[in-house]
Amino acid sequence: MHALMQLLRNDIDVPARQVVIEALVVEVDTDKMNELGVNYALQRRDFSLSLPADQSTVPFVGRFDDVLENWEDDWGNLPGVGFSAGLRALTQTVYAEILSNPSVLVLNGRQARIQVGQQVPTSTAVATNTHVRSGVNYLQTGIVLNLRPRISEDGSEVTMQIETIVSSVNPSKSEHKSDTSVLLAPVVDNRQVQTFVRVADNTPFIIGGLIATDTSNSQSGVPFLSKIPYVGNLFKRSIKKDDKREVIVVLTPHVIDTGEKSFSYVIPKDSKTFDSFDHILFRNAYRIRDDDVFDLAFATQSNYYASILEELKTFQDGHLELSEKEPIFSYLQDMVPGEDVIVRRMLWEIVHKANYHRYIDDNHILVFQADEGAGFGNKFKTLFLGNLLRDLKSDSGNALVLDYADHKAKTAGPFEHPRALISHTNVANPDNYVEQISVLNSDDLARNTLLLSNAVTPPGVRGATALEVLKGVLILKRILALNPSMPVTIQEFRVGRQIIFPTEQELRDKYHIIDYDVARYFYQVINYYPEFERAFNRDSDAILERIKELSDDNAQ
């Protein structure tokens, strides 16, 4: 039965592969307009005479008033008369325009349709014995791509059935209703290609030859003078315009690995364009970029970890009776030992780069100080962190120690506030800072002691002060609360993943409490590399211990 279930799950009931198809539609327009002729302008106070100028052309390149000197002598005796002429010669060259650049993700063997264009209104009329009923229909024009891919067995090639349609209404040949934009008799220029192709994965191919041509001729001239044989050529202008437009479609298929959840072709690019901040109705959102993700190959591809995974795989193959939901088997899929430490550090980096800590006021950070000697009321004092840091004196020390480990060990119930033992110390330099905070937490594996200094900046935190690190951690904790469906795993911290952020106003108005989690996250952010190494080794040892436990239970 187990072998049959494995066959169904692994060989039969498997997800279909997917293909991302990128399309690039380019129109190459060879707009050749040859214009040759003479422009005249005759002006007098009571009348004027000129050839109409084409506003789309370049200004004339030469004037020859002197050539007509004799004519101007005759007309010059008349008051208020002026005469000028210009010569035009123009050739417009080729240009290309990207009409569309869509992409689509489609299952293997299924059809995808990409349509970009507009709906053109057309008039309809139905006559009956008593009256005529008229209406408006809409004609779809533009670019249509119908695609059906099929992936080869090894995934190296993609066979595609393709239909490409490029259509547009020809306004010069279509008849319009009066005073409306509704077409009475539309003429549609339609270019269509159908084909079957087989191309290699990630290889672009071109569909071309979708050409439309339009030719027009026009002439203008001075009345009477332009009709004089031979001499009339000096008094007229002719324009010949040839429009030749070719649409080129470039398609590129990308086969997506079935086990890959982060599709690099369909996720947003590394840009702020896809972030959402300062919206009135929605929470802030940030999309993870490629440079937000650390390279962990040094750990996940190490020989030590590879040997543990090999031992785990051998154990699973030899104990098919165990459920696939056994937690340690998750490491064979996508879990990484100690990954929660590194993910929180990466989240903190995002907060710091966004300069989000500036929204938290020093006096909105609360510290509960243990006050067991109080005779009545609360056994703690509520203090503002800003006041504590400002009260630091050089004679008492330049750094503040908040020790939550002592009260955590003594707490009598779940509803007691996390209370700190507050003391002062001196920190000489960044290296001394790391040494002191490490010593303060050496006997506490929960890492519940903070070290804050205005004088010394911790190393390895992008130049942030200890207070800025703390504020970033407070925001980090809020981000984890706003994203409960996102596990703190490397697999889920992927490029393109959207993270909900708190609003700036929320951070300004809210009072933030330093608790046990904040203290632990603070230490892990500052000392993230040794903490990740410690957590990685701890979880790796736990895998081996769990294998031994399951083996002993099975032997019994």
Protein backbone atom coordinates (compact mmCIF):
# COMPACT_ATOMS: atom_id res chain seq x y z
CA MET A 1 0.00 0.00 0.00
CA HIS A 2 2.83 2.40 0.83
CA ALA A 3 4.55 1.68 -2.50
CA LEU A 4 1.26 2.31 -4.31
CA MET A 5 0.78 5.61 -2.50
CA GLN A 6 4.32 6.65 -3.41
CA LEU A 7 3.61 5.83 -7.06
CA LEU A 8 0.43 7.93 -7.05
CA ARG A 9 2.08 10.89 -5.33
CA ASN A 10 5.43 10.94 -7.10
CA ASP A 11 4.66 9.68 -10.62
CA ILE A 12 0.96 10.15 -11.37
CA ASP A 13 -0.45 13.00 -9.29
CA VAL A 14 2.25 15.50 -10.19
CA PRO A 15 1.72 19.16 -11.13
CA ALA A 16 1.89 20.09 -14.78
CA ARG A 17 4.94 21.98 -15.90
CA GLN A 18 4.59 25.62 -16.82
CA VAL A 19 6.01 27.92 -19.48
CA VAL A 20 6.56 31.67 -19.37
CA ILE A 21 6.22 33.15 -22.86
CA GLU A 22 7.62 36.63 -23.38
CA ALA A 23 6.37 38.56 -26.39
CA LEU A 24 7.78 41.68 -28.01
CA VAL A 25 5.67 43.35 -30.71
CA VAL A 26 7.56 45.97 -32.74
CA GLU A 27 6.23 48.07 -35.62
CA VAL A 28 8.81 49.30 -38.11
CA ASP A 29 7.47 52.31 -39.98
CA THR A 30 9.16 53.34 -43.24
CA ASP A 31 7.40 56.66 -43.76
CA LYS A 32 8.86 58.10 -46.96
CA MET A 33 7.57 61.55 -47.89
CA ASN A 34 9.21 63.24 -50.86
CA GLU A 35 8.34 66.91 -51.18
CA LEU A 36 9.72 69.26 -53.78
CA GLY A 37 8.44 72.66 -54.77
CA VAL A 38 8.41 76.40 -54.17
CA ASN A 39 6.55 78.30 -51.45
CA TYR A 40 5.41 81.82 -52.27
CA ALA A 41 4.05 84.49 -49.98
CA LEU A 42 2.63 87.76 -51.32
CA GLN A 43 1.37 90.30 -48.79
CA ARG A 44 -0.33 93.67 -49.12
CA ARG A 45 -2.35 95.67 -46.67
CA ASP A 46 -5.67 94.64 -48.16
CA PHE A 47 -4.92 91.07 -49.32
CA SER A 48 -2.43 88.19 -49.12
CA LEU A 49 -1.58 85.20 -51.31
CA SER A 50 0.49 82.15 -50.32
CA LEU A 51 0.87 78.40 -50.80
CA PRO A 52 -0.23 76.40 -47.73
CA ALA A 53 2.72 75.07 -45.76
CA ASP A 54 2.80 71.58 -44.33
CA GLN A 55 3.37 72.05 -40.60
CA SER A 56 4.96 68.63 -40.29
CA THR A 57 7.84 69.52 -42.60
CA VAL A 58 11.11 71.25 -41.83
CA PRO A 59 11.50 74.98 -42.56
CA PHE A 60 12.67 75.91 -46.06
CA VAL A 61 16.39 75.80 -46.55
CA GLY A 62 16.93 78.69 -48.94
CA ARG A 63 15.52 82.09 -49.84
CA PHE A 64 15.92 83.77 -53.17
CA ASP A 65 14.44 87.25 -52.86
CA ASP A 66 17.32 88.57 -54.95
CA VAL A 67 16.39 86.35 -57.89
CA LEU A 68 13.04 88.11 -58.02
CA GLU A 69 14.57 91.57 -57.70
CA ASN A 70 12.93 92.86 -60.86
CA TRP A 71 9.52 91.65 -59.73
CA GLU A 72 9.96 93.35 -56.38
CA ASP A 73 10.94 96.58 -58.16
CA ASP A 74 7.58 96.62 -59.92
CA TRP A 75 5.58 95.71 -56.85
CA GLY A 76 7.73 97.83 -54.57
CA ASN A 77 6.10 101.00 -55.83
CA LEU A 78 2.88 99.86 -54.15
CA PRO A 79 2.66 100.76 -50.43
CA GLY A 80 2.58 97.90 -47.96
CA VAL A 81 3.52 95.13 -50.42
CA GLY A 82 6.07 92.39 -49.73
CA PHE A 83 7.01 89.25 -51.63
CA SER A 84 9.07 86.20 -50.58
CA ALA A 85 9.65 82.63 -51.75
CA GLY A 86 11.14 79.46 -50.27
CA LEU A 87 12.25 76.06 -51.53
CA ARG A 88 11.34 72.80 -49.73
CA ALA A 89 12.96 69.42 -50.10
CA LEU A 90 12.36 66.69 -47.51
CA THR A 91 12.84 62.97 -47.01
CA GLN A 92 11.66 61.35 -43.77
CA THR A 93 13.44 58.17 -42.65
CA VAL A 94 12.60 54.95 -40.83
CA TYR A 95 11.70 54.58 -37.16
CA ALA A 96 10.57 51.66 -34.96
CA GLU A 97 8.08 51.60 -32.11
CA ILE A 98 7.46 48.92 -29.47
CA LEU A 99 3.71 48.36 -29.58
CA SER A 100 3.52 45.83 -26.74
CA ASN A 101 5.79 43.78 -24.46
CA PRO A 102 3.53 41.31 -22.61
CA SER A 103 4.38 38.01 -20.95
CA VAL A 104 2.17 35.16 -19.80
CA LEU A 105 2.56 32.09 -17.57
CA VAL A 106 0.70 29.06 -18.97
CA LEU A 107 0.41 25.36 -18.10
CA ASN A 108 1.92 22.81 -20.45
CA GLY A 109 -0.55 21.97 -23.24
CA ARG A 110 -3.01 24.76 -22.37
CA GLN A 111 -3.84 27.79 -24.48
CA ALA A 112 -2.86 31.34 -23.59
CA ARG A 113 -4.27 34.47 -25.21
CA ILE A 114 -2.73 37.93 -25.20
CA GLN A 115 -4.84 40.76 -26.61
CA VAL A 116 -3.85 44.41 -26.73
CA GLY A 117 -5.95 46.92 -28.64
CA GLN A 118 -9.18 48.87 -28.67
CA GLN A 119 -12.86 48.39 -29.41
CA VAL A 120 -14.12 50.49 -32.33
CA PRO A 121 -17.85 51.39 -32.40
CA THR A 122 -19.70 50.44 -35.60
CA SER A 123 -23.26 51.26 -36.58
CA THR A 124 -25.91 48.59 -37.20
CA ALA A 125 -29.48 48.89 -38.43
CA VAL A 126 -32.33 46.37 -38.57
CA ALA A 127 -35.39 47.20 -40.68
CA THR A 128 -38.87 45.90 -39.90
CA ASN A 129 -42.26 46.58 -41.47
CA THR A 130 -42.93 49.47 -39.11
CA HIS A 131 -39.62 51.02 -38.23
CA VAL A 132 -35.83 50.81 -38.40
CA ARG A 133 -33.92 49.86 -35.26
CA SER A 134 -30.35 51.12 -35.08
CA GLY A 135 -27.60 50.35 -32.62
CA VAL A 136 -23.88 50.21 -32.02
CA ASN A 137 -21.61 47.15 -31.99
CA TYR A 138 -17.95 47.13 -31.02
CA LEU A 139 -15.28 45.78 -33.31
CA GLN A 140 -12.13 44.47 -31.59
CA THR A 141 -8.89 45.64 -33.19
CA GLY A 142 -5.26 45.57 -32.17
CA ILE A 143 -2.83 42.73 -31.49
CA VAL A 144 -3.93 39.19 -30.64
CA LEU A 145 -1.54 36.34 -29.80
CA ASN A 146 -2.98 32.84 -29.34
CA LEU A 147 -0.35 30.44 -27.98
CA ARG A 148 -0.43 26.76 -27.02
CA PRO A 149 2.94 25.37 -25.80
CA ARG A 150 3.98 21.76 -25.28
CA ILE A 151 7.20 20.95 -23.43
CA SER A 152 9.44 18.10 -24.52
CA GLU A 153 10.08 15.24 -22.08
CA ASP A 154 13.48 16.53 -20.99
CA GLY A 155 12.29 20.16 -20.91
CA SER A 156 14.90 21.34 -23.41
CA GLU A 157 12.48 22.25 -26.22
CA VAL A 158 9.05 23.81 -26.55
CA THR A 159 6.63 23.12 -29.41
CA MET A 160 4.13 25.93 -29.91
CA GLN A 161 1.00 26.47 -31.94
CA ILE A 162 0.89 30.19 -32.69
CA GLU A 163 -1.69 32.51 -34.20
CA THR A 164 -0.77 36.18 -34.60
CA ILE A 165 -3.39 38.75 -35.65
CA VAL A 166 -2.70 42.47 -36.15
CA SER A 167 -5.73 44.51 -37.17
CA SER A 168 -6.65 48.20 -37.35
CA VAL A 169 -9.40 50.35 -38.84
CA ASN A 170 -8.42 52.25 -41.97
CA PRO A 171 -9.89 55.72 -41.29
CA SER A 172 -9.36 57.04 -44.81
CA LYS A 173 -11.45 54.27 -46.35
CA SER A 174 -14.10 53.99 -43.64
CA GLU A 175 -17.37 55.89 -43.66
CA HIS A 176 -18.36 57.80 -40.49
CA LYS A 177 -21.72 58.87 -39.22
CA SER A 178 -22.11 62.62 -39.20
CA ASP A 179 -21.00 64.39 -36.01
CA THR A 180 -20.02 61.12 -34.29
CA SER A 181 -17.03 58.81 -34.09
CA VAL A 182 -19.21 55.78 -34.88
CA LEU A 183 -18.22 54.02 -38.09
CA LEU A 184 -21.01 53.37 -40.55
CA ALA A 185 -18.94 51.17 -42.88
CA PRO A 186 -15.59 50.27 -41.30
CA VAL A 187 -12.69 49.00 -43.36
CA VAL A 188 -10.35 46.84 -41.28
CA ASP A 189 -6.75 46.17 -42.27
CA ASN A 190 -6.01 42.65 -41.04
CA ARG A 191 -2.65 40.84 -40.95
CA GLN A 192 -2.58 37.26 -39.69
CA VAL A 193 -0.02 34.45 -39.36
CA GLN A 194 -0.56 30.87 -38.13
CA THR A 195 2.28 28.44 -37.56
CA PHE A 196 3.69 25.50 -35.57
CA VAL A 197 7.26 25.82 -34.30
CA ARG A 198 9.69 23.93 -32.08
CA VAL A 199 12.40 25.97 -30.42
CA ALA A 200 14.93 25.43 -27.66
CA ASP A 201 14.18 26.66 -24.15
CA ASN A 202 15.07 30.34 -23.58
CA THR A 203 15.51 30.87 -27.34
CA PRO A 204 13.72 33.77 -29.09
CA PHE A 205 12.26 33.42 -32.57
CA ILE A 206 10.72 35.99 -34.93
CA ILE A 207 7.43 36.17 -36.79
CA GLY A 208 7.72 38.83 -39.49
CA GLY A 209 6.26 39.88 -42.81
CA LEU A 210 3.08 41.50 -41.44
CA ILE A 211 3.27 44.48 -43.79
CA ALA A 212 0.76 47.24 -44.59
CA THR A 213 1.35 49.84 -47.33
CA ASP A 214 -0.43 53.14 -48.02
CA THR A 215 0.42 55.60 -50.84
CA SER A 216 -0.89 59.14 -51.26
CA ASN A 217 -0.18 62.00 -53.71
CA SER A 218 -1.08 65.67 -53.44
CA GLN A 219 -0.33 68.90 -55.31
CA SER A 220 -0.80 72.61 -54.61
CA GLY A 221 0.04 75.75 -56.54
CA VAL A 222 -0.61 79.40 -57.28
CA PRO A 223 -3.85 79.81 -59.22
CA PHE A 224 -3.43 80.44 -62.96
CA LEU A 225 0.38 80.70 -62.74
CA SER A 226 0.83 77.02 -61.83
CA LYS A 227 -1.06 75.95 -64.99
CA ILE A 228 1.31 77.72 -67.41
CA PRO A 229 3.26 75.05 -69.37
CA TYR A 230 6.84 74.58 -68.22
CA VAL A 231 6.93 77.85 -66.29
CA GLY A 232 4.08 76.62 -64.05
CA ASN A 233 6.40 74.17 -62.28
CA LEU A 234 7.94 77.15 -60.51
CA PHE A 235 4.57 77.98 -58.94
CA LYS A 236 3.42 74.59 -57.59
CA ARG A 237 4.39 71.93 -55.12
CA SER A 238 3.87 68.13 -55.17
CA ILE A 239 3.96 65.66 -52.25
CA LYS A 240 4.21 61.88 -52.59
CA LYS A 241 3.89 59.88 -49.38
CA ASP A 242 4.47 56.14 -49.01
CA ASP A 243 3.62 54.54 -45.63
CA LYS A 244 5.03 51.05 -45.19
CA ARG A 245 4.53 49.48 -41.78
CA GLU A 246 5.80 46.05 -40.80
CA VAL A 247 4.89 44.36 -37.52
CA ILE A 248 7.51 41.99 -36.08
CA VAL A 249 6.66 39.63 -33.21
CA VAL A 250 9.46 38.12 -31.11
CA LEU A 251 8.48 35.21 -28.82
CA THR A 252 10.73 33.64 -26.17
CA PRO A 253 9.62 30.58 -24.15
CA HIS A 254 11.05 29.83 -20.69
CA VAL A 255 10.36 26.42 -19.14
CA ILE A 256 9.75 26.69 -15.38
CA ASP A 257 11.09 24.02 -13.05
CA THR A 258 8.20 22.23 -11.30
CA GLY A 259 9.87 22.55 -7.91
CA GLU A 260 10.70 26.23 -8.31
CA LYS A 261 8.28 28.56 -6.53
CA SER A 262 10.04 31.82 -7.30
CA PHE A 263 9.63 32.44 -11.03
CA SER A 264 12.31 34.92 -12.00
CA TYR A 265 10.50 35.78 -15.25
CA VAL A 266 7.14 36.75 -13.79
CA ILE A 267 8.03 38.35 -10.47
CA PRO A 268 8.47 42.12 -10.27
CA LYS A 269 11.93 43.42 -11.04
CA ASP A 270 14.26 44.98 -8.48
CA SER A 271 12.50 48.31 -8.52
CA LYS A 272 10.51 50.53 -6.18
CA THR A 273 7.76 50.52 -8.80
CA PHE A 274 6.11 47.49 -7.21
CA ASP A 275 6.28 48.76 -3.62
CA SER A 276 3.17 50.32 -2.10
CA PHE A 277 3.72 53.07 0.44
CA ASP A 278 1.71 56.05 1.68
CA HIS A 279 -1.66 54.67 0.52
CA ILE A 280 -4.63 55.89 2.51
CA LEU A 281 -6.73 52.71 2.32
CA PHE A 282 -4.05 50.01 2.24
CA ARG A 283 -1.09 49.04 4.36
CA ASN A 284 2.43 49.64 3.16
CA ALA A 285 3.97 46.78 1.19
CA TYR A 286 7.52 46.01 0.10
CA ARG A 287 8.66 43.41 -2.42
CA ILE A 288 11.88 41.55 -1.72
CA ARG A 289 14.64 42.28 -4.22
CA ASP A 290 17.58 40.18 -5.29
CA ASP A 291 20.11 42.17 -3.24
CA ASP A 292 18.00 41.63 -0.08
CA VAL A 293 18.75 37.89 -0.05
CA PHE A 294 22.02 36.62 1.44
CA ASP A 295 24.09 33.96 -0.29
CA LEU A 296 24.09 30.97 2.12
CA ALA A 297 25.92 28.51 -0.11
CA PHE A 298 28.81 28.43 2.38
CA ALA A 299 26.49 26.62 4.82
CA THR A 300 23.87 24.80 2.75
CA GLN A 301 26.43 23.37 0.31
CA SER A 302 29.06 22.46 2.89
CA ASN A 303 30.34 18.89 3.07
CA TYR A 304 29.20 18.66 6.69
CA TYR A 305 25.58 19.49 5.90
CA ALA A 306 25.60 17.40 2.71
CA SER A 307 26.60 14.33 4.76
CA ILE A 308 23.73 14.97 7.21
CA LEU A 309 21.20 15.22 4.36
CA GLU A 310 22.57 12.05 2.81
CA GLU A 311 22.17 10.22 6.11
CA LEU A 312 18.63 11.58 6.46
CA LYS A 313 17.71 10.48 2.92
CA THR A 314 19.08 6.98 3.54
CA PHE A 315 17.10 6.79 6.77
CA GLN A 316 13.86 7.83 5.01
CA ASP A 317 14.33 5.29 2.21
CA GLY A 318 14.87 2.57 4.78
CA HIS A 319 11.81 3.49 6.87
CA LEU A 320 8.97 3.92 4.39
CA GLU A 321 6.49 3.23 7.16
CA LEU A 322 7.22 6.66 8.67
CA SER A 323 4.94 9.50 7.68
CA GLU A 324 6.27 12.00 5.17
CA LYS A 325 5.04 14.67 7.59
CA GLU A 326 7.77 13.80 10.08
CA PRO A 327 9.33 17.25 10.76
CA ILE A 328 12.94 16.27 10.10
CA PHE A 329 12.05 15.18 6.55
CA SER A 330 11.30 18.84 5.78
CA TYR A 331 15.07 19.44 5.65
CA LEU A 332 15.12 17.27 2.50
CA GLN A 333 12.75 19.75 0.84
CA ASP A 334 13.33 23.38 1.67
CA MET A 335 14.18 23.86 5.36
CA VAL A 336 17.62 25.14 6.38
CA PRO A 337 19.01 24.71 9.92
CA GLY A 338 19.08 28.00 11.85
CA GLU A 339 17.33 29.85 9.05
CA ASP A 340 15.12 31.93 11.35
CA VAL A 341 18.20 33.83 12.59
CA ILE A 342 19.38 34.77 9.13
CA VAL A 343 15.89 35.67 7.88
CA ARG A 344 15.36 38.11 10.75
CA ARG A 345 18.69 39.73 9.96
CA MET A 346 17.68 40.10 6.29
CA LEU A 347 14.37 41.66 7.31
CA TRP A 348 16.21 44.08 9.58
CA GLU A 349 18.46 45.06 6.65
CA ILE A 350 15.37 45.99 4.60
CA VAL A 351 14.04 48.14 7.45
CA HIS A 352 17.42 49.86 7.85
CA LYS A 353 17.84 50.55 4.12
CA ALA A 354 14.36 52.08 4.06
CA ASN A 355 15.42 54.33 6.99
CA TYR A 356 12.20 53.27 8.67
CA HIS A 357 13.59 53.60 12.19
CA ARG A 358 13.24 57.40 11.93
CA TYR A 359 9.50 57.09 12.57
CA ILE A 360 9.97 55.82 16.15
CA ASP A 361 10.49 58.50 18.80
CA ASP A 362 12.96 57.76 21.61
CA ASN A 363 10.32 58.62 24.20
CA HIS A 364 7.86 56.14 22.68
CA ILE A 365 10.07 53.20 23.67
CA LEU A 366 9.10 51.85 27.10
CA VAL A 367 11.32 50.01 29.57
CA PHE A 368 9.84 48.25 32.62
CA GLN A 369 12.35 48.32 35.47
CA ALA A 370 12.12 45.75 38.24
CA ASP A 371 11.03 47.26 41.56
CA GLU A 372 10.45 44.32 43.84
CA GLY A 373 10.85 46.49 46.94
CA ALA A 374 7.70 48.49 46.23
CA GLY A 375 5.30 48.14 49.13
CA PHE A 376 2.14 48.72 47.12
CA GLY A 377 0.97 48.67 43.50
CA ASN A 378 3.09 47.48 40.62
CA LYS A 379 6.39 45.75 41.22
CA PHE A 380 7.93 47.68 38.33
CA LYS A 381 8.56 51.20 37.10
CA THR A 382 7.68 52.43 33.61
CA LEU A 383 10.55 54.42 32.08
CA PHE A 384 11.18 56.06 28.72
CA LEU A 385 14.30 54.87 26.93
CA GLY A 386 15.05 58.39 25.66
CA ASN A 387 15.35 59.69 29.22
CA LEU A 388 17.57 56.76 30.22
CA LEU A 389 20.00 57.43 27.38
CA ARG A 390 20.08 61.17 28.03
CA ASP A 391 20.86 60.55 31.72
CA LEU A 392 24.05 58.67 30.86
CA LYS A 393 27.01 60.44 32.48
CA SER A 394 30.64 59.98 31.63
CA ASP A 395 31.47 59.19 35.24
CA SER A 396 28.85 56.43 35.44
CA GLY A 397 29.54 54.93 32.00
CA ASN A 398 28.74 55.65 28.37
CA ALA A 399 26.54 52.58 27.81
CA LEU A 400 23.23 51.30 29.19
CA VAL A 401 22.71 47.62 30.14
CA LEU A 402 19.14 46.25 30.15
CA ASP A 403 19.17 42.75 31.63
CA TYR A 404 15.89 40.89 31.12
CA ALA A 405 17.35 37.43 31.73
CA ASP A 406 17.18 37.68 35.53
CA HIS A 407 13.47 38.44 35.67
CA LYS A 408 12.65 35.89 32.97
CA ALA A 409 14.22 33.18 35.11
CA LYS A 410 12.24 34.29 38.19
CA THR A 411 8.88 35.17 36.61
CA ALA A 412 5.96 33.57 38.35
CA GLY A 413 3.27 33.88 35.67
CA PRO A 414 2.55 34.57 31.99
CA PHE A 415 1.04 38.01 32.53
CA GLU A 416 3.97 39.75 34.15
CA HIS A 417 5.65 42.51 32.22
CA PRO A 418 9.23 41.84 31.06
CA ARG A 419 11.31 43.73 33.60
CA ALA A 420 14.90 44.86 33.22
CA LEU A 421 17.73 45.24 35.65
CA ILE A 422 19.33 48.53 34.61
CA SER A 423 23.04 49.27 34.98
CA HIS A 424 25.78 51.30 33.31
CA THR A 425 29.12 50.33 31.79
CA ASN A 426 31.90 51.80 29.65
CA VAL A 427 32.44 50.76 26.04
CA ALA A 428 35.79 51.70 24.54
CA ASN A 429 35.35 50.92 20.83
CA PRO A 430 33.25 48.80 18.41
CA ASP A 431 35.25 45.63 19.06
CA ASN A 432 34.87 46.15 22.79
CA TYR A 433 31.12 46.59 22.25
CA VAL A 434 30.84 43.14 20.64
CA GLU A 435 33.00 41.63 23.37
CA GLN A 436 30.89 43.10 26.18
CA ILE A 437 27.48 42.21 24.72
CA SER A 438 28.72 38.67 24.06
CA VAL A 439 29.95 38.29 27.64
CA LEU A 440 26.68 39.68 29.02
CA ASN A 441 24.72 36.99 27.14
CA SER A 442 27.20 34.12 27.39
CA ASP A 443 25.36 32.35 30.23
CA ASP A 444 21.91 32.98 28.76
CA LEU A 445 21.12 31.00 25.60
CA ALA A 446 17.94 33.09 25.16
CA ARG A 447 20.14 36.22 24.73
CA ASN A 448 17.94 38.57 26.80
CA THR A 449 20.42 41.36 27.65
CA LEU A 450 20.81 44.55 25.61
CA LEU A 451 23.73 46.95 25.47
CA LEU A 452 22.96 50.50 24.27
CA SER A 453 25.52 53.25 23.79
CA ASN A 454 25.39 56.74 22.36
CA ALA A 455 29.18 56.95 22.09
CA VAL A 456 30.10 53.72 20.27
CA THR A 457 28.51 52.26 17.11
CA PRO A 458 28.32 48.45 16.90
CA PRO A 459 30.28 46.93 13.99
CA GLY A 460 28.66 45.07 11.12
CA VAL A 461 25.27 46.86 11.13
CA ARG A 462 25.66 49.18 8.14
CA GLY A 463 26.77 52.12 10.29
CA ALA A 464 23.64 52.08 12.45
CA THR A 465 23.85 53.14 16.07
CA ALA A 466 22.75 50.75 18.80
CA LEU A 467 19.56 52.78 19.21
CA GLU A 468 18.83 52.59 15.47
CA VAL A 469 19.39 48.83 15.58
CA LEU A 470 16.89 48.60 18.44
CA LYS A 471 14.29 50.67 16.59
CA GLY A 472 14.75 48.48 13.51
CA VAL A 473 14.20 45.40 15.67
CA LEU A 474 10.99 46.88 17.10
CA ILE A 475 9.76 47.39 13.53
CA LEU A 476 10.96 43.87 12.61
CA LYS A 477 8.82 42.41 15.37
CA ARG A 478 5.81 44.36 14.09
CA ILE A 479 6.45 43.14 10.52
CA LEU A 480 6.45 39.51 11.73
CA ALA A 481 3.09 40.15 13.41
CA LEU A 482 1.64 41.68 10.23
CA ASN A 483 2.81 38.75 8.08
CA PRO A 484 1.64 35.67 10.03
CA SER A 485 1.29 33.57 6.87
CA MET A 486 4.97 34.05 5.98
CA PRO A 487 7.10 31.49 7.82
CA VAL A 488 10.51 32.75 8.89
CA THR A 489 12.30 30.51 6.38
CA ILE A 490 14.77 30.97 3.54
CA GLN A 491 12.27 29.38 1.14
CA GLU A 492 9.62 31.99 1.89
CA PHE A 493 12.06 34.92 1.95
CA ARG A 494 12.33 34.89 -1.82
CA VAL A 495 12.67 37.54 -4.50
CA GLY A 496 9.31 39.09 -5.40
CA ARG A 497 7.62 38.12 -2.13
CA GLN A 498 5.47 40.94 -0.77
CA ILE A 499 5.95 41.96 2.86
CA ILE A 500 3.40 44.07 4.71
CA PHE A 501 4.95 47.00 6.57
CA PRO A 502 3.45 49.08 9.38
CA THR A 503 2.42 52.60 8.47
CA GLU A 504 4.57 55.56 9.39
CA GLN A 505 1.74 57.06 11.46
CA GLU A 506 1.32 53.82 13.38
CA LEU A 507 5.00 53.82 14.30
CA ARG A 508 4.87 57.46 15.37
CA ASP A 509 1.77 57.04 17.55
CA LYS A 510 2.43 53.61 19.04
CA TYR A 511 4.33 53.01 22.27
CA HIS A 512 6.88 50.22 21.79
CA ILE A 513 7.84 47.86 24.62
CA ILE A 514 11.22 46.15 24.90
CA ASP A 515 10.48 42.52 25.76
CA TYR A 516 12.29 39.19 25.65
CA ASP A 517 11.85 38.74 21.88
CA VAL A 518 13.16 42.25 21.17
CA ALA A 519 16.22 41.60 23.34
CA ARG A 520 16.93 38.29 21.57
CA TYR A 521 16.42 39.72 18.07
CA PHE A 522 18.66 42.68 18.96
CA TYR A 523 21.51 40.36 19.90
CA GLN A 524 20.99 38.17 16.81
CA VAL A 525 21.03 41.16 14.45
CA ILE A 526 24.30 42.48 15.85
CA ASN A 527 25.95 39.07 16.24
CA TYR A 528 24.10 37.37 13.38
CA TYR A 529 26.97 35.35 11.90
CA PRO A 530 28.03 33.49 15.09
CA GLU A 531 24.36 33.17 16.10
CA PHE A 532 23.46 31.65 12.72
CA GLU A 533 26.41 29.27 13.02
CA ARG A 534 25.29 28.27 16.53
CA ALA A 535 21.68 27.74 15.41
CA PHE A 536 22.82 25.87 12.28
CA ASN A 537 24.91 23.44 14.33
CA ARG A 538 22.15 23.09 16.95
CA ASP A 539 19.50 22.16 14.37
CA SER A 540 21.89 19.86 12.49
CA ASP A 541 22.62 17.99 15.72
CA ALA A 542 18.88 17.79 16.36
CA ILE A 543 18.43 16.02 13.01
CA LEU A 544 20.96 13.34 13.98
CA GLU A 545 19.42 12.97 17.43
CA ARG A 546 15.92 12.57 15.95
CA ILE A 547 17.18 9.92 13.52
CA LYS A 548 18.61 8.00 16.47
CA GLU A 549 15.35 8.30 18.44
CA LEU A 550 13.25 7.05 15.54
CA SER A 551 15.66 4.19 14.90
CA ASP A 552 15.50 3.14 18.57
CA ASP A 553 11.69 3.33 18.60
CA ASN A 554 11.49 1.26 15.42
CA ALA A 555 13.88 -1.36 16.84
CA GLN A 556 11.65 -1.76 19.91
